[in-house]
């Protein structure tokens, strides 16, 4: 089962349309996943520290008080910190974008378009499109003369649905 730390989850909930931290699909505000709650209440697991069996719903409180589990976690942390981390900076973020007009951040593509339409539709300042700048062929210095028109023409769909980021632009155009 995947978990998220509070700051990462809060970043996913920040856009006008909150998105899932994994697949970026829109989250429904305030809707409880009752099927998931039931599954957590009825799924049995084993503590990796003391091997005691319990339901997933009890695991968090057990882990907080189980010294063997805490030792297990610390061993894992030590093992991970010994290995050098991969340079994540070499992989551009193509899932969330900052607004080029204001300090708002972490919009998905659709959220950025809606935000700019709602708050910056009359702003004539030339700005760099953060979506295009994240693409392999994007120029991070190119300022769009009419950013709002650019957004509405170029970003009606999500690139990751249609684009192979590892392919050369000329090869893609030939297909």
N, C-alpha and C. Protein backbone atom coordinates (compact mmCIF):
# COMPACT_ATOMS: atom_id res chain seq x y z
N UNK A 1 0.84 -1.17 0.00
CA UNK A 1 0.00 0.00 0.00
C UNK A 1 0.89 1.24 0.00
N UNK A 2 0.63 2.19 -0.89
CA UNK A 2 1.41 3.41 -1.03
C UNK A 2 0.97 4.43 0.02
N UNK A 3 1.92 5.14 0.61
CA UNK A 3 1.61 6.19 1.56
C UNK A 3 2.28 7.48 1.12
N UNK A 4 1.82 8.59 1.65
CA UNK A 4 2.38 9.89 1.30
C UNK A 4 2.63 10.69 2.56
N UNK A 5 3.70 11.47 2.58
CA UNK A 5 3.93 12.35 3.71
C UNK A 5 2.98 13.54 3.58
N UNK A 6 2.71 14.18 4.69
CA UNK A 6 1.74 15.28 4.71
C UNK A 6 2.11 16.42 3.76
N UNK A 7 3.37 16.89 3.71
CA UNK A 7 3.68 17.99 2.78
C UNK A 7 3.40 17.63 1.31
N UNK A 8 3.72 16.40 0.90
CA UNK A 8 3.46 15.99 -0.49
C UNK A 8 1.96 15.91 -0.76
N UNK A 9 1.23 15.36 0.19
CA UNK A 9 -0.22 15.27 0.02
C UNK A 9 -0.83 16.66 -0.03
N UNK A 10 -0.36 17.57 0.80
CA UNK A 10 -0.88 18.94 0.79
C UNK A 10 -0.61 19.62 -0.55
N UNK A 11 0.55 19.34 -1.16
CA UNK A 11 0.86 19.92 -2.47
C UNK A 11 -0.11 19.41 -3.52
N UNK A 12 -0.52 18.15 -3.42
CA UNK A 12 -1.48 17.59 -4.37
C UNK A 12 -2.86 18.19 -4.18
N UNK A 13 -3.17 18.60 -2.96
CA UNK A 13 -4.48 19.17 -2.68
C UNK A 13 -4.53 20.68 -2.92
N UNK A 14 -3.38 21.30 -3.17
CA UNK A 14 -3.27 22.73 -3.31
C UNK A 14 -3.93 23.30 -4.57
N UNK A 15 -3.80 22.66 -5.75
CA UNK A 15 -4.39 23.25 -6.95
C UNK A 15 -5.90 23.44 -6.80
N UNK A 16 -6.45 24.30 -7.66
CA UNK A 16 -7.89 24.51 -7.66
C UNK A 16 -8.61 23.17 -7.81
N UNK A 17 -8.03 22.29 -8.61
CA UNK A 17 -8.55 20.93 -8.76
C UNK A 17 -7.52 20.01 -8.15
N UNK A 18 -7.73 19.52 -6.94
CA UNK A 18 -6.75 18.61 -6.33
C UNK A 18 -6.56 17.35 -7.18
N UNK A 19 -5.31 16.88 -7.23
CA UNK A 19 -5.00 15.71 -8.05
C UNK A 19 -4.33 14.62 -7.23
N UNK A 20 -4.46 13.39 -7.68
CA UNK A 20 -3.83 12.23 -7.04
C UNK A 20 -2.31 12.37 -7.18
N UNK A 21 -1.58 12.01 -6.13
CA UNK A 21 -0.13 12.09 -6.16
C UNK A 21 0.53 11.10 -7.09
N UNK A 22 -0.18 10.08 -7.52
CA UNK A 22 0.39 9.06 -8.40
C UNK A 22 -0.03 9.27 -9.85
N UNK A 23 -1.34 9.26 -10.11
CA UNK A 23 -1.82 9.28 -11.50
C UNK A 23 -2.29 10.65 -11.96
N UNK A 24 -2.34 11.62 -11.05
CA UNK A 24 -2.75 13.00 -11.35
C UNK A 24 -4.21 13.14 -11.77
N UNK A 25 -5.05 12.15 -11.50
CA UNK A 25 -6.47 12.31 -11.80
C UNK A 25 -7.09 13.19 -10.72
N UNK A 26 -8.17 13.88 -11.07
CA UNK A 26 -8.81 14.82 -10.16
C UNK A 26 -9.40 14.12 -8.95
N UNK A 27 -9.16 14.68 -7.77
CA UNK A 27 -9.71 14.15 -6.53
C UNK A 27 -11.03 14.84 -6.20
N UNK A 28 -11.97 14.10 -5.67
CA UNK A 28 -13.23 14.68 -5.22
C UNK A 28 -13.04 15.15 -3.78
N UNK A 29 -13.34 16.41 -3.54
CA UNK A 29 -13.16 16.96 -2.19
C UNK A 29 -14.17 16.36 -1.22
N UNK A 30 -13.68 15.92 -0.09
CA UNK A 30 -14.55 15.46 0.98
C UNK A 30 -15.22 14.11 0.78
N UNK A 31 -14.93 13.42 -0.30
CA UNK A 31 -15.55 12.12 -0.54
C UNK A 31 -14.70 11.03 0.11
N UNK A 32 -15.31 10.28 1.01
CA UNK A 32 -14.58 9.20 1.69
C UNK A 32 -14.62 7.94 0.83
N UNK A 33 -13.51 7.26 0.80
CA UNK A 33 -13.42 6.00 0.06
C UNK A 33 -13.83 4.88 1.00
N UNK A 34 -15.13 4.66 1.12
CA UNK A 34 -15.65 3.67 2.07
C UNK A 34 -15.17 2.26 1.75
N UNK A 35 -15.05 1.94 0.47
CA UNK A 35 -14.56 0.61 0.09
C UNK A 35 -13.12 0.41 0.55
N UNK A 36 -12.32 1.46 0.45
CA UNK A 36 -10.94 1.39 0.90
C UNK A 36 -10.88 1.29 2.43
N UNK A 37 -11.72 2.05 3.12
CA UNK A 37 -11.76 1.97 4.58
C UNK A 37 -12.10 0.55 5.03
N UNK A 38 -13.07 -0.07 4.38
CA UNK A 38 -13.47 -1.43 4.74
C UNK A 38 -12.32 -2.40 4.50
N UNK A 39 -11.63 -2.21 3.37
CA UNK A 39 -10.50 -3.08 3.05
C UNK A 39 -9.39 -2.94 4.10
N UNK A 40 -9.15 -1.73 4.57
CA UNK A 40 -8.13 -1.50 5.60
C UNK A 40 -8.54 -2.16 6.92
N UNK A 41 -9.83 -2.12 7.22
CA UNK A 41 -10.34 -2.72 8.46
C UNK A 41 -10.29 -4.25 8.44
N UNK A 42 -10.36 -4.86 7.25
CA UNK A 42 -10.48 -6.32 7.16
C UNK A 42 -9.24 -7.03 6.62
N UNK A 43 -8.23 -6.26 6.18
CA UNK A 43 -7.01 -6.88 5.63
C UNK A 43 -6.00 -7.11 6.75
N UNK A 44 -5.52 -8.34 6.83
CA UNK A 44 -4.56 -8.70 7.87
C UNK A 44 -3.14 -8.52 7.34
N UNK A 45 -2.26 -8.09 8.22
CA UNK A 45 -0.86 -7.92 7.86
C UNK A 45 0.00 -8.38 9.04
N UNK A 46 1.30 -8.43 8.81
CA UNK A 46 2.23 -8.85 9.85
C UNK A 46 3.25 -7.73 10.07
N UNK A 47 3.52 -7.42 11.31
CA UNK A 47 4.53 -6.42 11.66
C UNK A 47 5.90 -6.96 11.23
N UNK A 48 6.65 -6.15 10.50
CA UNK A 48 7.98 -6.57 10.04
C UNK A 48 9.01 -6.58 11.16
N UNK A 49 8.66 -6.01 12.31
CA UNK A 49 9.58 -6.01 13.44
C UNK A 49 9.40 -7.21 14.34
N UNK A 50 8.16 -7.41 14.85
CA UNK A 50 7.92 -8.47 15.84
C UNK A 50 7.12 -9.65 15.29
N UNK A 51 6.71 -9.58 14.03
CA UNK A 51 5.95 -10.63 13.35
C UNK A 51 4.54 -10.85 13.92
N UNK A 52 4.02 -9.90 14.69
CA UNK A 52 2.67 -10.01 15.23
C UNK A 52 1.67 -9.73 14.11
N UNK A 53 0.59 -10.53 14.04
CA UNK A 53 -0.46 -10.33 13.03
C UNK A 53 -1.50 -9.35 13.56
N UNK A 54 -2.01 -8.49 12.65
CA UNK A 54 -3.03 -7.50 13.01
C UNK A 54 -3.69 -6.98 11.73
N UNK A 55 -4.79 -6.24 11.89
CA UNK A 55 -5.43 -5.60 10.74
C UNK A 55 -4.66 -4.33 10.39
N UNK A 56 -4.69 -3.97 9.10
CA UNK A 56 -3.99 -2.77 8.65
C UNK A 56 -4.40 -1.54 9.45
N UNK A 57 -5.66 -1.48 9.84
CA UNK A 57 -6.16 -0.32 10.58
C UNK A 57 -5.45 -0.14 11.93
N UNK A 58 -4.85 -1.18 12.46
CA UNK A 58 -4.16 -1.12 13.75
C UNK A 58 -2.65 -0.94 13.60
N UNK A 59 -2.15 -1.05 12.37
CA UNK A 59 -0.71 -1.08 12.15
C UNK A 59 -0.02 0.23 12.55
N UNK A 60 -0.61 1.37 12.25
CA UNK A 60 0.04 2.65 12.56
C UNK A 60 0.28 2.80 14.06
N UNK A 61 -0.74 2.53 14.87
CA UNK A 61 -0.56 2.68 16.32
C UNK A 61 0.41 1.62 16.85
N UNK A 62 0.37 0.41 16.29
CA UNK A 62 1.30 -0.63 16.71
C UNK A 62 2.74 -0.22 16.38
N UNK A 63 2.95 0.28 15.17
CA UNK A 63 4.30 0.66 14.73
C UNK A 63 4.88 1.75 15.61
N UNK A 64 4.04 2.64 16.12
CA UNK A 64 4.51 3.73 16.97
C UNK A 64 5.06 3.22 18.30
N UNK A 65 4.58 2.06 18.75
CA UNK A 65 5.01 1.56 20.06
C UNK A 65 5.88 0.30 19.99
N UNK A 66 6.09 -0.24 18.80
CA UNK A 66 6.87 -1.49 18.65
C UNK A 66 8.35 -1.15 18.41
N UNK A 67 9.19 -1.40 19.41
CA UNK A 67 10.61 -1.08 19.29
C UNK A 67 11.29 -1.91 18.20
N UNK A 68 10.84 -3.15 18.00
CA UNK A 68 11.42 -3.99 16.95
C UNK A 68 11.10 -3.43 15.56
N UNK A 69 9.89 -2.90 15.40
CA UNK A 69 9.51 -2.30 14.12
C UNK A 69 10.35 -1.04 13.88
N UNK A 70 10.55 -0.24 14.91
CA UNK A 70 11.35 0.98 14.77
C UNK A 70 12.79 0.65 14.42
N UNK A 71 13.33 -0.44 14.99
CA UNK A 71 14.68 -0.89 14.62
C UNK A 71 14.72 -1.34 13.16
N UNK A 72 13.67 -2.04 12.73
CA UNK A 72 13.56 -2.50 11.35
C UNK A 72 13.60 -1.29 10.39
N UNK A 73 12.85 -0.25 10.73
CA UNK A 73 12.82 0.96 9.90
C UNK A 73 14.20 1.62 9.87
N UNK A 74 14.85 1.74 11.01
CA UNK A 74 16.16 2.38 11.07
C UNK A 74 17.20 1.61 10.26
N UNK A 75 17.12 0.29 10.25
CA UNK A 75 18.04 -0.51 9.43
C UNK A 75 17.81 -0.20 7.95
N UNK A 76 16.56 -0.06 7.57
CA UNK A 76 16.23 0.29 6.19
C UNK A 76 16.74 1.66 5.81
N UNK A 77 16.61 2.61 6.72
CA UNK A 77 17.10 3.97 6.47
C UNK A 77 18.61 3.96 6.31
N UNK A 78 19.31 3.23 7.17
CA UNK A 78 20.77 3.13 7.07
C UNK A 78 21.19 2.53 5.73
N UNK A 79 20.49 1.49 5.30
CA UNK A 79 20.83 0.83 4.03
C UNK A 79 20.62 1.78 2.86
N UNK A 80 19.56 2.54 2.89
CA UNK A 80 19.26 3.45 1.78
C UNK A 80 20.24 4.61 1.75
N UNK A 81 20.60 5.15 2.91
CA UNK A 81 21.49 6.31 2.94
C UNK A 81 22.92 5.96 2.58
N UNK A 82 23.30 4.69 2.63
CA UNK A 82 24.64 4.27 2.22
C UNK A 82 24.80 4.36 0.71
N UNK A 83 23.71 4.12 -0.03
CA UNK A 83 23.76 4.16 -1.49
C UNK A 83 23.54 5.59 -1.96
N UNK A 84 24.32 6.05 -2.96
CA UNK A 84 24.09 7.40 -3.46
C UNK A 84 22.72 7.49 -4.14
N UNK A 85 22.06 8.60 -3.91
CA UNK A 85 20.75 8.81 -4.52
C UNK A 85 20.91 9.14 -5.99
N UNK A 86 19.94 8.70 -6.79
CA UNK A 86 19.94 9.07 -8.20
C UNK A 86 19.68 10.56 -8.31
N UNK A 87 20.28 11.18 -9.28
CA UNK A 87 20.08 12.61 -9.47
C UNK A 87 18.68 12.85 -10.05
N UNK A 88 17.74 13.24 -9.20
CA UNK A 88 16.37 13.46 -9.67
C UNK A 88 16.26 14.74 -10.47
N UNK A 89 17.23 15.62 -10.36
CA UNK A 89 17.18 16.87 -11.12
C UNK A 89 17.32 16.62 -12.62
N UNK A 90 17.85 15.46 -13.02
CA UNK A 90 18.02 15.19 -14.44
C UNK A 90 16.70 14.80 -15.11
N UNK A 91 15.65 14.59 -14.31
CA UNK A 91 14.35 14.26 -14.85
C UNK A 91 13.41 15.44 -14.65
N UNK A 92 13.06 16.14 -15.72
CA UNK A 92 12.21 17.32 -15.55
C UNK A 92 10.81 16.95 -15.06
N UNK A 93 10.22 17.82 -14.27
CA UNK A 93 8.86 17.65 -13.79
C UNK A 93 7.91 18.07 -14.90
N UNK A 94 7.18 17.11 -15.44
CA UNK A 94 6.21 17.40 -16.50
C UNK A 94 4.79 17.18 -16.00
N UNK A 95 4.59 17.17 -14.70
CA UNK A 95 3.27 16.90 -14.14
C UNK A 95 2.67 18.10 -13.43
N UNK A 96 3.50 18.92 -12.80
CA UNK A 96 2.98 20.12 -12.14
C UNK A 96 3.78 21.32 -12.62
N UNK A 97 3.09 22.48 -12.67
CA UNK A 97 3.69 23.66 -13.26
C UNK A 97 3.40 24.90 -12.42
N UNK A 98 4.35 25.85 -12.41
CA UNK A 98 4.09 27.12 -11.73
C UNK A 98 3.37 28.07 -12.68
N UNK A 99 2.63 29.01 -12.11
CA UNK A 99 2.03 30.06 -12.93
C UNK A 99 3.14 31.03 -13.31
N UNK A 100 3.28 31.37 -14.59
CA UNK A 100 4.35 32.29 -14.98
C UNK A 100 4.05 33.75 -14.59
N UNK A 101 2.82 34.04 -14.15
CA UNK A 101 2.44 35.40 -13.78
C UNK A 101 2.55 35.67 -12.28
N UNK A 102 2.27 34.67 -11.46
CA UNK A 102 2.23 34.91 -10.02
C UNK A 102 2.98 33.78 -9.29
N UNK A 103 2.92 33.76 -8.00
CA UNK A 103 3.71 32.79 -7.23
C UNK A 103 3.02 31.45 -7.02
N UNK A 104 1.82 31.26 -7.56
CA UNK A 104 1.11 29.97 -7.41
C UNK A 104 1.90 28.86 -8.09
N UNK A 105 1.92 27.68 -7.46
CA UNK A 105 2.70 26.55 -7.99
C UNK A 105 1.88 25.27 -7.97
N UNK A 106 2.45 24.24 -8.56
CA UNK A 106 1.92 22.87 -8.52
C UNK A 106 0.55 22.70 -9.18
N UNK A 107 0.34 23.38 -10.29
CA UNK A 107 -0.86 23.16 -11.07
C UNK A 107 -0.63 21.99 -12.01
N UNK A 108 -1.64 21.15 -12.19
CA UNK A 108 -1.55 20.23 -13.31
C UNK A 108 -1.83 21.07 -14.55
N UNK A 109 -1.70 20.48 -15.73
CA UNK A 109 -1.83 21.26 -16.95
C UNK A 109 -3.19 21.94 -17.04
N UNK A 110 -4.25 21.18 -16.79
CA UNK A 110 -5.60 21.73 -16.86
C UNK A 110 -5.81 22.81 -15.80
N UNK A 111 -5.27 22.59 -14.62
CA UNK A 111 -5.38 23.58 -13.54
C UNK A 111 -4.68 24.88 -13.88
N UNK A 112 -3.51 24.79 -14.54
CA UNK A 112 -2.78 25.99 -14.95
C UNK A 112 -3.59 26.78 -15.97
N UNK A 113 -4.17 26.08 -16.95
CA UNK A 113 -4.99 26.75 -17.97
C UNK A 113 -6.16 27.46 -17.30
N UNK A 114 -6.87 26.77 -16.41
CA UNK A 114 -8.03 27.38 -15.73
C UNK A 114 -7.62 28.55 -14.85
N UNK A 115 -6.52 28.40 -14.12
CA UNK A 115 -6.02 29.47 -13.25
C UNK A 115 -5.70 30.71 -14.07
N UNK A 116 -4.97 30.53 -15.16
CA UNK A 116 -4.59 31.68 -15.99
C UNK A 116 -5.81 32.33 -16.64
N UNK A 117 -6.77 31.52 -17.09
CA UNK A 117 -8.00 32.09 -17.67
C UNK A 117 -8.76 32.91 -16.63
N UNK A 118 -8.81 32.41 -15.40
CA UNK A 118 -9.59 33.08 -14.35
C UNK A 118 -8.89 34.33 -13.81
N UNK A 119 -7.57 34.29 -13.67
CA UNK A 119 -6.88 35.39 -12.98
C UNK A 119 -5.97 36.25 -13.85
N UNK A 120 -5.57 35.75 -15.00
CA UNK A 120 -4.57 36.49 -15.78
C UNK A 120 -4.98 36.71 -17.24
N UNK A 121 -6.25 36.59 -17.56
CA UNK A 121 -6.67 36.67 -18.96
C UNK A 121 -6.38 38.03 -19.59
N UNK A 122 -6.27 39.07 -18.79
CA UNK A 122 -6.01 40.41 -19.33
C UNK A 122 -4.54 40.82 -19.18
N UNK A 123 -3.71 39.95 -18.68
CA UNK A 123 -2.30 40.26 -18.46
C UNK A 123 -1.55 40.11 -19.78
N UNK A 124 -0.97 41.20 -20.27
CA UNK A 124 -0.29 41.19 -21.58
C UNK A 124 1.21 40.92 -21.46
N UNK A 125 1.70 40.71 -20.25
CA UNK A 125 3.13 40.46 -20.04
C UNK A 125 3.56 39.20 -20.80
N UNK A 126 4.69 39.29 -21.51
CA UNK A 126 5.22 38.13 -22.21
C UNK A 126 5.91 37.22 -21.20
N UNK A 127 5.51 35.95 -21.20
CA UNK A 127 6.04 34.99 -20.23
C UNK A 127 6.45 33.70 -20.93
N UNK A 128 7.27 32.92 -20.23
CA UNK A 128 7.69 31.60 -20.72
C UNK A 128 6.62 30.60 -20.32
N UNK A 129 6.20 29.76 -21.26
CA UNK A 129 5.22 28.72 -20.96
C UNK A 129 5.92 27.62 -20.16
N UNK A 130 5.52 27.38 -18.91
CA UNK A 130 6.20 26.36 -18.11
C UNK A 130 5.98 24.95 -18.63
N UNK A 131 4.87 24.72 -19.32
CA UNK A 131 4.60 23.39 -19.88
C UNK A 131 5.57 23.12 -21.02
N UNK A 132 5.66 24.06 -21.95
CA UNK A 132 6.58 23.90 -23.09
C UNK A 132 8.03 23.85 -22.62
N UNK A 133 8.38 24.67 -21.63
CA UNK A 133 9.77 24.71 -21.15
C UNK A 133 10.19 23.37 -20.56
N UNK A 134 9.24 22.57 -20.08
CA UNK A 134 9.58 21.27 -19.49
C UNK A 134 9.77 20.17 -20.55
N UNK A 135 9.40 20.45 -21.78
CA UNK A 135 9.50 19.46 -22.85
C UNK A 135 10.93 19.39 -23.39
N UNK A 136 11.34 18.23 -23.90
CA UNK A 136 12.70 18.10 -24.43
C UNK A 136 13.00 19.11 -25.53
N UNK A 137 12.02 19.48 -26.31
CA UNK A 137 12.20 20.42 -27.40
C UNK A 137 11.90 21.85 -26.98
N UNK A 138 11.48 22.05 -25.74
CA UNK A 138 11.08 23.38 -25.27
C UNK A 138 12.27 24.29 -25.03
N UNK A 139 12.06 25.57 -25.29
CA UNK A 139 13.07 26.59 -25.05
C UNK A 139 12.70 27.33 -23.76
N UNK A 140 13.46 27.14 -22.69
CA UNK A 140 13.11 27.77 -21.41
C UNK A 140 13.25 29.29 -21.40
N UNK A 141 13.75 29.85 -22.50
CA UNK A 141 13.91 31.30 -22.59
C UNK A 141 12.90 31.96 -23.52
N UNK A 142 12.12 31.15 -24.27
CA UNK A 142 11.18 31.72 -25.24
C UNK A 142 9.97 32.31 -24.53
N UNK A 143 9.71 33.58 -24.77
CA UNK A 143 8.57 34.26 -24.17
C UNK A 143 7.46 34.37 -25.21
N UNK A 144 6.31 33.85 -24.86
CA UNK A 144 5.16 33.85 -25.76
C UNK A 144 4.57 35.26 -25.84
N UNK A 145 4.33 35.73 -27.07
CA UNK A 145 3.75 37.07 -27.26
C UNK A 145 2.33 37.13 -26.73
N UNK A 146 1.58 36.03 -26.85
CA UNK A 146 0.20 35.98 -26.33
C UNK A 146 0.03 34.64 -25.62
N UNK A 147 0.41 34.62 -24.36
CA UNK A 147 0.43 33.38 -23.59
C UNK A 147 -0.95 32.77 -23.46
N UNK A 148 -1.98 33.58 -23.27
CA UNK A 148 -3.33 33.04 -23.09
C UNK A 148 -3.79 32.31 -24.37
N UNK A 149 -3.54 32.89 -25.51
CA UNK A 149 -3.90 32.22 -26.77
C UNK A 149 -3.08 30.94 -26.94
N UNK A 150 -1.80 31.03 -26.61
CA UNK A 150 -0.92 29.86 -26.68
C UNK A 150 -1.47 28.73 -25.81
N UNK A 151 -1.84 29.03 -24.56
CA UNK A 151 -2.39 28.01 -23.66
C UNK A 151 -3.62 27.34 -24.26
N UNK A 152 -4.52 28.15 -24.79
CA UNK A 152 -5.77 27.61 -25.30
C UNK A 152 -5.58 26.81 -26.59
N UNK A 153 -4.59 27.16 -27.39
CA UNK A 153 -4.34 26.42 -28.64
C UNK A 153 -3.47 25.19 -28.43
N UNK A 154 -2.42 25.33 -27.65
CA UNK A 154 -1.41 24.28 -27.53
C UNK A 154 -1.65 23.30 -26.38
N UNK A 155 -2.42 23.69 -25.40
CA UNK A 155 -2.52 22.85 -24.21
C UNK A 155 -3.95 22.46 -23.88
N UNK A 156 -4.68 22.06 -24.90
CA UNK A 156 -6.04 21.55 -24.72
C UNK A 156 -6.03 20.10 -24.25
N UNK A 157 -4.91 19.42 -24.41
CA UNK A 157 -4.77 18.01 -24.03
C UNK A 157 -3.44 17.86 -23.31
N UNK A 158 -3.27 16.74 -22.64
CA UNK A 158 -2.05 16.47 -21.90
C UNK A 158 -1.03 15.81 -22.84
N UNK A 159 0.16 16.37 -22.91
CA UNK A 159 1.19 15.83 -23.79
C UNK A 159 1.54 14.39 -23.48
N UNK A 160 1.55 14.02 -22.19
CA UNK A 160 2.01 12.67 -21.86
C UNK A 160 1.10 11.58 -22.39
N UNK A 161 -0.09 11.94 -22.86
CA UNK A 161 -0.98 10.97 -23.49
C UNK A 161 -0.51 10.63 -24.90
N UNK A 162 0.11 11.60 -25.56
CA UNK A 162 0.42 11.46 -26.98
C UNK A 162 1.90 11.48 -27.32
N UNK A 163 2.76 11.83 -26.38
CA UNK A 163 4.16 12.10 -26.71
C UNK A 163 5.10 11.07 -26.09
N UNK A 164 6.06 10.63 -26.89
CA UNK A 164 7.17 9.82 -26.39
C UNK A 164 8.31 10.80 -26.13
N UNK A 165 8.59 11.11 -24.86
CA UNK A 165 9.57 12.13 -24.52
C UNK A 165 10.99 11.75 -24.92
N UNK A 166 11.23 10.46 -25.17
CA UNK A 166 12.56 10.03 -25.56
C UNK A 166 12.78 10.10 -27.07
N UNK A 167 11.70 10.30 -27.82
CA UNK A 167 11.82 10.35 -29.28
C UNK A 167 12.24 11.74 -29.74
N UNK A 168 12.93 11.79 -30.85
CA UNK A 168 13.34 13.04 -31.46
C UNK A 168 12.11 13.72 -32.07
N UNK A 169 12.05 15.06 -32.01
CA UNK A 169 10.89 15.79 -32.53
C UNK A 169 10.66 15.50 -34.01
N UNK A 170 11.73 15.43 -34.81
CA UNK A 170 11.58 15.16 -36.24
C UNK A 170 11.00 13.76 -36.48
N UNK A 171 11.44 12.78 -35.67
CA UNK A 171 10.90 11.42 -35.79
C UNK A 171 9.41 11.40 -35.47
N UNK A 172 9.01 12.15 -34.44
CA UNK A 172 7.59 12.19 -34.06
C UNK A 172 6.75 12.82 -35.16
N UNK A 173 7.27 13.87 -35.77
CA UNK A 173 6.52 14.56 -36.83
C UNK A 173 6.37 13.66 -38.05
N UNK A 174 7.34 12.78 -38.28
CA UNK A 174 7.29 11.88 -39.42
C UNK A 174 6.26 10.77 -39.25
N UNK A 175 5.86 10.49 -38.01
CA UNK A 175 4.92 9.39 -37.75
C UNK A 175 3.53 9.75 -38.15
